């Protein structure tokens, strides 16, 4: 008996709400057997589920299907937790942090702003700031040849446009990977997947385009989940490559300001091939996506 992956990860308490579980799936943060999963993706006992939330990846093996919220002890009977230990402080410190001032303010922040607007403290504070700025101003005139335009931080979507499925076709993916019988199973604005079986049990290739998401966080997750992770440069662009020989999985991520894309290639476990061949295919597909970006 199978159940939806969004209902399952909510039922075993990996997310606080079911809507959050669905949002994680739509955002490309949930994978079933190494492949990005939609909210309605069915899971059965024996499947591996990876959920990336708050900069950490949780890995569980399904032992019993469940689609209703239960107590923590009962939920623990439905899966085997194979998550890696929390990352060391050095890796956490290297991960980019979200600007606290960005995005929609919380209810608490809105209440604080309302109280600040209603008080006379704001008027007094602004008056003091004006006096301090006026008293500390530079007497020397500004250089007229110096531009007075501050540099804005990288914005989400400021990177290149990679087109449909990273700019590659089904025929090219089949030729480069050497996987016979590939069919396109997912195709939207940010994710494309090609599968040899239609059920994600064979060889799979996928392209994911993340906008407004730092590549450093994804690289830290790959370091925790793959046997080997190295820096990678393609046509002057920086990224990473991570692979696991036993899992026949190789991932290549390339950063572009506040955006990045990732090619993930998983070979067929029944007909295993050298991991070098799988990684060569991932690198070649990443190079094609970069060359065809606009």
Protein backbone atom coordinates (compact mmCIF):
# COMPACT_ATOMS: atom_id res chain seq x y z
CA UNK A 1 0.00 0.00 0.00
CA UNK A 2 1.36 3.42 -0.99
CA UNK A 3 0.74 6.95 0.26
CA UNK A 4 1.52 10.46 -0.97
CA UNK A 5 4.98 11.70 -0.06
CA UNK A 6 3.69 15.06 1.25
CA UNK A 7 1.25 13.30 3.58
CA UNK A 8 3.94 10.88 4.72
CA UNK A 9 6.62 13.43 5.67
CA UNK A 10 3.96 15.45 7.51
CA UNK A 11 2.64 12.35 9.31
CA UNK A 12 6.12 11.35 10.57
CA UNK A 13 6.69 14.94 11.76
CA UNK A 14 9.39 16.08 9.36
CA UNK A 15 7.28 19.22 8.73
CA UNK A 16 4.97 21.08 11.08
CA UNK A 17 2.02 21.24 8.66
CA UNK A 18 0.89 19.33 5.59
CA UNK A 19 0.88 22.54 3.56
CA UNK A 20 4.56 23.00 4.48
CA UNK A 21 5.23 19.46 3.23
CA UNK A 22 3.54 20.23 -0.09
CA UNK A 23 5.48 23.49 -0.40
CA UNK A 24 8.75 21.64 0.22
CA UNK A 25 7.90 19.21 -2.60
CA UNK A 26 6.97 21.99 -5.01
CA UNK A 27 10.16 23.84 -4.13
CA UNK A 28 12.31 20.86 -5.09
CA UNK A 29 13.41 20.11 -1.50
CA UNK A 30 12.02 16.54 -1.32
CA UNK A 31 13.53 13.56 -3.12
CA UNK A 32 12.35 9.97 -3.32
CA UNK A 33 15.06 7.45 -4.20
CA UNK A 34 17.35 10.28 -5.30
CA UNK A 35 14.86 12.02 -7.61
CA UNK A 36 12.92 15.22 -6.95
CA UNK A 37 9.35 14.34 -5.94
CA UNK A 38 6.02 16.05 -6.51
CA UNK A 39 3.53 16.26 -3.61
CA UNK A 40 1.47 13.39 -5.07
CA UNK A 41 4.48 11.10 -5.59
CA UNK A 42 3.57 7.71 -4.02
CA UNK A 43 5.94 6.09 -1.54
CA UNK A 44 6.05 2.46 -0.42
CA UNK A 45 8.06 0.56 2.21
CA UNK A 46 11.72 0.44 1.22
CA UNK A 47 11.77 3.90 -0.42
CA UNK A 48 14.38 6.45 0.66
CA UNK A 49 13.08 9.98 1.28
CA UNK A 50 15.35 13.02 1.56
CA UNK A 51 13.90 16.29 2.88
CA UNK A 52 16.03 19.46 2.89
CA UNK A 53 14.73 22.05 5.35
CA UNK A 54 16.44 24.89 7.21
CA UNK A 55 19.82 24.05 5.73
CA UNK A 56 19.78 20.40 6.90
CA UNK A 57 18.88 17.23 5.03
CA UNK A 58 16.80 14.54 6.74
CA UNK A 59 17.07 11.02 5.30
CA UNK A 60 14.52 8.35 6.21
CA UNK A 61 13.72 4.86 4.94
CA UNK A 62 10.03 4.00 4.76
CA UNK A 63 9.11 0.90 6.76
CA UNK A 64 5.37 1.47 7.02
CA UNK A 65 3.08 3.82 5.10
CA UNK A 66 1.09 6.38 7.06
CA UNK A 67 -0.90 9.44 6.01
CA UNK A 68 -2.34 10.74 9.28
CA UNK A 69 -0.62 12.71 12.03
CA UNK A 70 0.15 10.50 15.03
CA UNK A 71 2.21 10.74 18.18
CA UNK A 72 5.99 10.82 17.92
CA UNK A 73 6.47 7.25 19.26
CA UNK A 74 3.97 5.85 16.74
CA UNK A 75 5.52 7.88 13.93
CA UNK A 76 8.98 6.52 14.79
CA UNK A 77 7.73 3.00 14.06
CA UNK A 78 7.02 3.95 10.43
CA UNK A 79 10.56 4.85 9.32
CA UNK A 80 14.27 4.31 9.91
CA UNK A 81 16.16 7.56 10.43
CA UNK A 82 19.34 7.53 8.34
CA UNK A 83 20.01 11.26 8.61
CA UNK A 84 23.65 12.32 9.00
CA UNK A 85 24.64 13.98 12.27
CA UNK A 86 24.24 17.76 12.47
CA UNK A 87 26.97 19.56 10.49
CA UNK A 88 29.96 20.90 12.41
CA UNK A 89 30.05 24.55 13.39
CA UNK A 90 32.57 25.31 10.64
CA UNK A 91 30.14 24.26 7.90
CA UNK A 92 27.23 26.08 9.53
CA UNK A 93 29.33 29.24 9.73
CA UNK A 94 30.15 28.99 6.00
CA UNK A 95 26.49 28.79 4.94
CA UNK A 96 25.00 32.09 3.73
CA UNK A 97 22.39 33.48 6.07
CA UNK A 98 19.08 35.03 5.07
CA UNK A 99 18.89 38.76 5.70
CA UNK A 100 16.64 39.28 8.71
CA UNK A 101 15.29 42.43 7.10
CA UNK A 102 14.28 40.71 3.87
CA UNK A 103 10.87 39.30 3.09
CA UNK A 104 7.50 39.79 4.73
CA UNK A 105 7.63 40.96 8.38
CA UNK A 106 6.27 38.66 11.06
CA UNK A 107 3.29 39.54 13.27
CA UNK A 108 5.62 40.39 16.11
CA UNK A 109 7.67 42.69 13.88
CA UNK A 110 4.49 44.43 12.65
CA UNK A 111 3.33 45.03 16.22
CA UNK A 112 6.71 46.50 17.10
CA UNK A 113 6.56 48.79 14.07
CA UNK A 114 3.06 49.95 14.99
CA UNK A 115 4.16 50.80 18.53
CA UNK A 116 7.17 52.64 17.18
CA UNK A 117 5.06 54.71 14.80
CA UNK A 118 2.57 55.62 17.53
CA UNK A 119 5.20 56.82 19.97
CA UNK A 120 6.90 60.16 20.06
CA UNK A 121 10.23 58.37 20.38
CA UNK A 122 10.45 58.10 16.61
CA UNK A 123 10.26 61.87 16.16
CA UNK A 124 12.94 62.48 18.78
CA UNK A 125 15.16 59.78 17.31
CA UNK A 126 14.96 61.24 13.81
CA UNK A 127 15.80 64.70 15.15
CA UNK A 128 18.93 63.37 16.86
CA UNK A 129 19.99 61.54 13.71
CA UNK A 130 19.63 64.71 11.62
CA UNK A 131 21.77 66.68 14.09
CA UNK A 132 24.47 64.00 14.18
CA UNK A 133 24.62 63.68 10.41
CA UNK A 134 24.81 67.44 9.98
CA UNK A 135 27.55 67.81 12.60
CA UNK A 136 29.67 64.99 11.19
CA UNK A 137 29.40 65.92 7.52
CA UNK A 138 32.60 66.33 5.55
CA UNK A 139 33.57 69.92 4.74
CA UNK A 140 35.41 68.87 1.60
CA UNK A 141 33.31 68.81 -1.59
CA UNK A 142 32.60 65.46 -3.11
CA UNK A 143 34.55 64.35 -6.14
CA UNK A 144 32.34 65.14 -9.18
CA UNK A 145 33.99 62.33 -11.17
CA UNK A 146 33.09 59.71 -8.58
CA UNK A 147 29.78 57.97 -9.26
CA UNK A 148 27.29 58.13 -6.42
CA UNK A 149 25.46 54.90 -7.15
CA UNK A 150 25.75 52.22 -4.46
CA UNK A 151 26.17 48.63 -5.56
CA UNK A 152 23.03 46.60 -5.01
CA UNK A 153 23.30 43.02 -3.75
CA UNK A 154 22.58 40.18 -6.11
CA UNK A 155 18.83 39.75 -6.60
CA UNK A 156 16.92 36.53 -7.14
CA UNK A 157 16.61 35.86 -10.86
CA UNK A 158 19.60 38.08 -11.72
CA UNK A 159 21.45 35.13 -13.25
CA UNK A 160 21.09 33.95 -16.86
CA UNK A 161 17.98 32.31 -18.28
CA UNK A 162 18.57 28.60 -18.88
CA UNK A 163 15.49 27.89 -20.94
CA UNK A 164 13.40 24.75 -21.03
CA UNK A 165 15.10 21.85 -19.22
CA UNK A 166 18.44 23.65 -19.05
CA UNK A 167 18.47 24.09 -22.83
CA UNK A 168 18.92 20.38 -23.64
CA UNK A 169 16.64 17.90 -25.37
CA UNK A 170 15.60 14.34 -24.56
CA UNK A 171 17.79 13.05 -27.39
CA UNK A 172 20.84 14.87 -26.02
CA UNK A 173 20.27 13.59 -22.48
CA UNK A 174 19.93 10.04 -23.84
CA UNK A 175 23.11 10.35 -25.93
CA UNK A 176 25.25 11.94 -23.20
CA UNK A 177 24.14 9.67 -20.34
CA UNK A 178 23.95 6.50 -22.41
CA UNK A 179 20.65 5.58 -20.69
CA UNK A 180 18.40 3.80 -23.17
CA UNK A 181 14.63 4.21 -23.01
CA UNK A 182 14.56 7.60 -21.26
CA UNK A 183 11.22 9.44 -21.23
CA UNK A 184 10.42 12.91 -19.95
CA UNK A 185 8.39 12.54 -16.74
CA UNK A 186 8.58 16.09 -15.28
CA UNK A 187 8.72 19.38 -17.17
CA UNK A 188 8.02 22.75 -15.55
CA UNK A 189 9.74 26.12 -15.21
CA UNK A 190 12.31 24.92 -12.67
CA UNK A 191 12.52 21.10 -12.86
CA UNK A 192 12.91 18.55 -15.64
CA UNK A 193 13.33 14.79 -15.16
CA UNK A 194 13.97 11.88 -17.48
CA UNK A 195 13.32 8.30 -16.34
CA UNK A 196 13.96 4.90 -17.90
CA UNK A 197 11.19 3.07 -16.03
CA UNK A 198 8.53 5.69 -15.30
CA UNK A 199 8.60 4.71 -11.62
CA UNK A 200 12.02 6.12 -10.62
CA UNK A 201 13.41 2.64 -9.97
CA UNK A 202 15.94 2.70 -12.83
CA UNK A 203 18.32 5.25 -14.30
CA UNK A 204 17.22 8.88 -13.84
CA UNK A 205 18.52 12.28 -14.94
CA UNK A 206 17.17 15.57 -13.58
CA UNK A 207 17.77 19.33 -13.99
CA UNK A 208 16.83 21.75 -11.20
CA UNK A 209 17.01 25.55 -11.47
CA UNK A 210 16.98 27.44 -8.15
CA UNK A 211 16.45 31.22 -8.13
CA UNK A 212 17.06 33.25 -5.00
CA UNK A 213 18.66 30.28 -3.23
CA UNK A 214 22.37 30.33 -2.27
CA UNK A 215 24.49 27.56 -3.75
CA UNK A 216 26.57 27.39 -0.55
CA UNK A 217 23.68 25.83 1.35
CA UNK A 218 23.18 23.14 -1.30
CA UNK A 219 26.93 22.44 -1.41
CA UNK A 220 26.96 21.96 2.37
CA UNK A 221 24.10 19.44 2.08
CA UNK A 222 25.90 17.55 -0.68
CA UNK A 223 29.03 17.36 1.49
CA UNK A 224 26.97 15.62 4.15
CA UNK A 225 25.14 13.20 1.84
CA UNK A 226 27.79 12.24 -0.75
CA UNK A 227 31.05 10.31 -0.32
CA UNK A 228 33.15 12.84 -2.26
CA UNK A 229 32.56 16.55 -2.92
CA UNK A 230 34.95 18.84 -4.84
CA UNK A 231 35.00 22.34 -6.26
CA UNK A 232 34.28 22.62 -9.98
CA UNK A 233 34.82 25.32 -12.62
CA UNK A 234 33.13 25.34 -16.03
CA UNK A 235 33.73 28.21 -18.49
CA UNK A 236 34.79 30.51 -15.65
CA UNK A 237 31.77 29.73 -13.45
CA UNK A 238 32.25 28.22 -9.99
CA UNK A 239 30.33 25.29 -8.55
CA UNK A 240 30.71 21.83 -7.04
CA UNK A 241 30.54 18.15 -7.95
CA UNK A 242 29.56 15.40 -5.52
CA UNK A 243 29.13 11.67 -6.03
CA UNK A 244 28.58 8.32 -4.35
CA UNK A 245 29.84 5.21 -6.13
CA UNK A 246 27.59 2.77 -4.27
CA UNK A 247 24.50 4.83 -5.03
CA UNK A 248 25.47 5.45 -8.68
CA UNK A 249 24.67 9.16 -8.10
CA UNK A 250 26.60 12.22 -9.28
CA UNK A 251 25.48 15.84 -8.85
CA UNK A 252 26.90 19.01 -10.42
CA UNK A 253 25.84 22.45 -9.17
CA UNK A 254 26.89 25.76 -10.75
CA UNK A 255 26.34 29.18 -9.14
CA UNK A 256 25.29 32.43 -10.83
CA UNK A 257 24.97 35.21 -8.25
CA UNK A 258 21.80 34.57 -6.23
CA UNK A 259 20.81 31.66 -8.53
CA UNK A 260 22.20 28.21 -9.28
CA UNK A 261 21.29 25.07 -11.20
CA UNK A 262 21.99 21.41 -10.48
CA UNK A 263 22.26 18.38 -12.74
CA UNK A 264 21.71 15.05 -10.97
CA UNK A 265 22.44 11.73 -12.70
CA UNK A 266 21.64 8.38 -11.11
CA UNK A 267 22.64 5.16 -12.83
CA UNK A 268 20.82 1.85 -12.76
CA UNK A 269 21.87 -0.15 -9.69
CA UNK A 270 21.27 -3.41 -11.57
CA UNK A 271 23.63 -2.45 -14.40
CA UNK A 272 26.22 -0.46 -12.46
CA UNK A 273 28.80 1.56 -14.34
CA UNK A 274 31.93 3.47 -13.21
CA UNK A 275 31.04 6.65 -11.35
CA UNK A 276 33.47 8.53 -13.62
CA UNK A 277 31.16 7.93 -16.60
CA UNK A 278 28.15 9.23 -14.67
CA UNK A 279 30.03 12.35 -13.52
CA UNK A 280 31.36 12.98 -17.05
CA UNK A 281 27.75 13.02 -18.27
CA UNK A 282 26.72 15.44 -15.50
CA UNK A 283 29.62 17.78 -16.34
CA UNK A 284 28.85 17.71 -20.08
CA UNK A 285 25.16 18.48 -19.49
CA UNK A 286 26.10 21.35 -17.15
CA UNK A 287 28.46 22.75 -19.78
CA UNK A 288 25.71 22.62 -22.42
CA UNK A 289 23.30 24.48 -20.10
CA UNK A 290 25.89 27.22 -19.51
CA UNK A 291 26.72 27.58 -23.21
CA UNK A 292 23.05 27.83 -24.21
CA UNK A 293 21.97 30.23 -21.44
CA UNK A 294 20.74 33.66 -22.45
